[in-house]
């Protein structure tokens, strides 16, 4: 088995600043949160042939399950998670929602998702149908928020991100619908 090395200081610093110990605007941003939901099962699948410390694997799976549990408690906005997960008045955002259901599907497939699997299957089905309905005749995914910069200090920044077609939206929808 191959040995895998992880720079833990880098892992801790993603989307976080130690200069003030905060995550910028304290935005519970849909797509920002979706990356960890997608990343953990994908990463664990990619490194399955490498030696990974049990404590790192356990921490990643526990973090992933806490993430999914928190996401399950969020009310959907028109069958998608809202742009700001704790603000149901923000529009339902397709690319982050696609990444979330892809991460949930992989977690189920890998057997690392411990939450209410029946509820998760229903939610995956519901959000998948919505994503399919948002793909136009040219294959463009609707309700995808435009690019978002890191480090913004206002929740209004996230509330006012325009809806526009983006390649990452297309890619995340493809992953979700595989």
Protein backbone atom coordinates (compact mmCIF):
# COMPACT_ATOMS: atom_id res chain seq x y z
CA UNK A 1 0.00 0.00 0.00
CA UNK A 2 1.31 3.48 -0.90
CA UNK A 3 1.84 6.08 1.83
CA UNK A 4 -0.08 9.36 1.55
CA UNK A 5 1.10 12.60 3.09
CA UNK A 6 -1.32 15.45 3.86
CA UNK A 7 -0.28 18.98 4.77
CA UNK A 8 -2.68 19.46 7.70
CA UNK A 9 -2.04 23.21 8.06
CA UNK A 10 -3.28 23.66 4.49
CA UNK A 11 -6.38 21.53 5.16
CA UNK A 12 -7.25 23.66 8.22
CA UNK A 13 -6.85 26.93 6.34
CA UNK A 14 -9.25 26.28 3.44
CA UNK A 15 -11.95 28.99 3.42
CA UNK A 16 -10.74 30.28 6.77
CA UNK A 17 -8.46 33.06 7.91
CA UNK A 18 -6.38 32.75 11.04
CA UNK A 19 -5.97 36.52 10.89
CA UNK A 20 -9.02 37.15 13.06
CA UNK A 21 -10.11 33.49 13.30
CA UNK A 22 -13.18 33.70 11.08
CA UNK A 23 -14.64 32.68 7.75
CA UNK A 24 -14.95 36.22 6.43
CA UNK A 25 -18.64 37.28 6.29
CA UNK A 26 -19.70 34.21 8.29
CA UNK A 27 -21.63 33.28 5.17
CA UNK A 28 -23.14 29.83 5.16
CA UNK A 29 -22.83 29.86 1.40
CA UNK A 30 -24.42 26.98 -0.50
CA UNK A 31 -21.70 26.28 -3.05
CA UNK A 32 -18.92 26.97 -0.56
CA UNK A 33 -20.36 24.35 1.78
CA UNK A 34 -21.06 21.98 -1.08
CA UNK A 35 -17.36 21.57 -1.84
CA UNK A 36 -16.67 19.76 1.45
CA UNK A 37 -19.76 17.58 0.96
CA UNK A 38 -18.42 16.59 -2.45
CA UNK A 39 -14.74 16.52 -1.48
CA UNK A 40 -14.68 14.07 1.42
CA UNK A 41 -16.21 11.02 -0.29
CA UNK A 42 -14.42 11.79 -3.57
CA UNK A 43 -11.07 12.15 -1.79
CA UNK A 44 -11.56 8.96 0.23
CA UNK A 45 -12.41 7.09 -2.95
CA UNK A 46 -9.35 8.46 -4.75
CA UNK A 47 -6.96 7.54 -1.91
CA UNK A 48 -8.45 4.13 -1.14
CA UNK A 49 -5.24 2.42 -2.37
CA UNK A 50 -3.04 4.58 -0.16
CA UNK A 51 -2.23 4.29 3.51
CA UNK A 52 -4.22 6.95 5.32
CA UNK A 53 -4.02 7.35 9.09
CA UNK A 54 -7.17 6.05 10.75
CA UNK A 55 -7.49 9.27 12.74
CA UNK A 56 -7.51 11.39 9.56
CA UNK A 57 -10.02 9.11 7.88
CA UNK A 58 -12.23 9.14 10.99
CA UNK A 59 -12.04 12.94 11.28
CA UNK A 60 -12.97 13.36 7.62
CA UNK A 61 -15.94 10.99 7.87
CA UNK A 62 -17.18 12.57 11.12
CA UNK A 63 -16.87 16.06 9.60
CA UNK A 64 -18.67 14.90 6.46
CA UNK A 65 -21.53 13.38 8.46
CA UNK A 66 -21.92 16.53 10.58
CA UNK A 67 -22.00 18.54 7.36
CA UNK A 68 -24.69 16.35 5.79
CA UNK A 69 -26.73 16.31 9.00
CA UNK A 70 -26.71 20.13 9.09
CA UNK A 71 -27.65 20.33 5.40
CA UNK A 72 -30.56 17.93 5.93
CA UNK A 73 -32.08 20.39 8.40
CA UNK A 74 -32.11 23.26 5.88
CA UNK A 75 -35.37 24.04 4.16
CA UNK A 76 -35.13 23.91 0.39
CA UNK A 77 -36.01 26.96 -1.70
CA UNK A 78 -37.95 25.71 -4.73
CA UNK A 79 -36.36 22.24 -4.39
CA UNK A 80 -32.78 23.58 -4.13
CA UNK A 81 -30.71 24.71 -1.19
CA UNK A 82 -30.75 28.51 -0.88
CA UNK A 83 -27.68 30.55 -1.87
CA UNK A 84 -27.15 31.34 1.82
CA UNK A 85 -28.08 28.15 3.63
CA UNK A 86 -29.40 30.02 6.67
CA UNK A 87 -31.40 32.57 4.64
CA UNK A 88 -34.44 30.98 2.96
CA UNK A 89 -35.13 34.29 1.19
CA UNK A 90 -32.08 33.84 -1.05
CA UNK A 91 -32.67 32.03 -4.33
CA UNK A 92 -32.29 28.27 -4.63
CA UNK A 93 -28.86 27.72 -6.20
CA UNK A 94 -28.37 24.83 -8.63
CA UNK A 95 -24.60 24.26 -8.78
CA UNK A 96 -24.11 23.93 -5.02
CA UNK A 97 -27.24 21.80 -4.73
CA UNK A 98 -25.88 19.52 -7.47
CA UNK A 99 -22.56 19.18 -5.64
CA UNK A 100 -24.35 18.38 -2.39
CA UNK A 101 -26.39 15.55 -3.87
CA UNK A 102 -23.33 14.18 -5.68
CA UNK A 103 -21.48 14.12 -2.35
CA UNK A 104 -24.43 12.43 -0.68
CA UNK A 105 -24.64 9.79 -3.44
CA UNK A 106 -20.93 9.03 -3.12
CA UNK A 107 -21.20 8.87 0.66
CA UNK A 108 -24.00 6.34 0.38
CA UNK A 109 -22.06 4.35 -2.22
CA UNK A 110 -18.93 4.26 -0.07
CA UNK A 111 -20.87 3.42 3.10
CA UNK A 112 -19.58 6.47 5.00
CA UNK A 113 -22.89 8.33 5.27
CA UNK A 114 -24.61 7.42 8.54
CA UNK A 115 -27.58 9.78 8.47
CA UNK A 116 -31.19 8.87 7.63
CA UNK A 117 -30.50 7.14 4.31
CA UNK A 118 -34.17 6.82 3.34
CA UNK A 119 -34.65 10.56 3.77
CA UNK A 120 -31.43 11.22 1.86
CA UNK A 121 -32.58 9.08 -1.08
CA UNK A 122 -35.86 11.05 -1.24
CA UNK A 123 -33.98 14.34 -1.08
CA UNK A 124 -31.52 13.28 -3.79
CA UNK A 125 -34.45 12.33 -6.01
CA UNK A 126 -36.25 15.62 -5.38
CA UNK A 127 -33.21 17.83 -6.03
CA UNK A 128 -32.15 15.74 -9.06
CA UNK A 129 -35.55 16.29 -10.67
CA UNK A 130 -35.26 20.03 -10.06
CA UNK A 131 -31.77 20.15 -11.58
CA UNK A 132 -32.98 18.23 -14.64
CA UNK A 133 -35.82 20.72 -15.04
CA UNK A 134 -33.31 23.59 -15.02
CA UNK A 135 -31.28 22.30 -17.97
CA UNK A 136 -32.40 24.08 -21.13
CA UNK A 137 -32.48 22.78 -24.74
CA UNK A 138 -28.84 23.80 -25.22
CA UNK A 139 -27.76 21.91 -22.10
CA UNK A 140 -27.22 25.04 -20.00
CA UNK A 141 -27.99 24.76 -16.28
CA UNK A 142 -30.19 27.55 -14.95
CA UNK A 143 -30.16 29.07 -11.45
CA UNK A 144 -26.38 28.84 -11.18
CA UNK A 145 -24.83 31.70 -9.26
CA UNK A 146 -21.97 33.58 -10.83
CA UNK A 147 -18.45 33.34 -9.51
CA UNK A 148 -17.87 34.26 -5.90
CA UNK A 149 -14.69 35.71 -4.50
CA UNK A 150 -13.25 34.56 -1.20
CA UNK A 151 -12.87 36.98 1.63
CA UNK A 152 -15.89 39.19 1.13
CA UNK A 153 -17.07 40.66 4.41
CA UNK A 154 -20.76 41.21 3.73
CA UNK A 155 -23.64 38.78 3.53
CA UNK A 156 -25.18 41.14 0.97
CA UNK A 157 -22.32 40.23 -1.35
CA UNK A 158 -23.60 36.64 -1.38
CA UNK A 159 -27.26 37.68 -1.53
CA UNK A 160 -26.61 39.72 -4.68
CA UNK A 161 -24.54 37.29 -6.71
CA UNK A 162 -26.07 37.24 -10.20
CA UNK A 163 -27.49 34.10 -11.75
CA UNK A 164 -25.45 33.23 -14.83
CA UNK A 165 -24.34 30.13 -16.74
CA UNK A 166 -20.96 28.87 -15.59
CA UNK A 167 -18.86 25.86 -16.62
CA UNK A 168 -18.61 24.69 -13.00
CA UNK A 169 -22.43 24.62 -12.86
CA UNK A 170 -22.53 22.37 -15.92
CA UNK A 171 -19.86 20.10 -14.46
CA UNK A 172 -21.53 19.83 -11.04
CA UNK A 173 -24.88 19.05 -12.65
CA UNK A 174 -23.25 16.29 -14.72
CA UNK A 175 -21.71 14.78 -11.58
CA UNK A 176 -25.02 14.94 -9.73
CA UNK A 177 -26.93 13.26 -12.54
CA UNK A 178 -24.41 10.45 -13.17
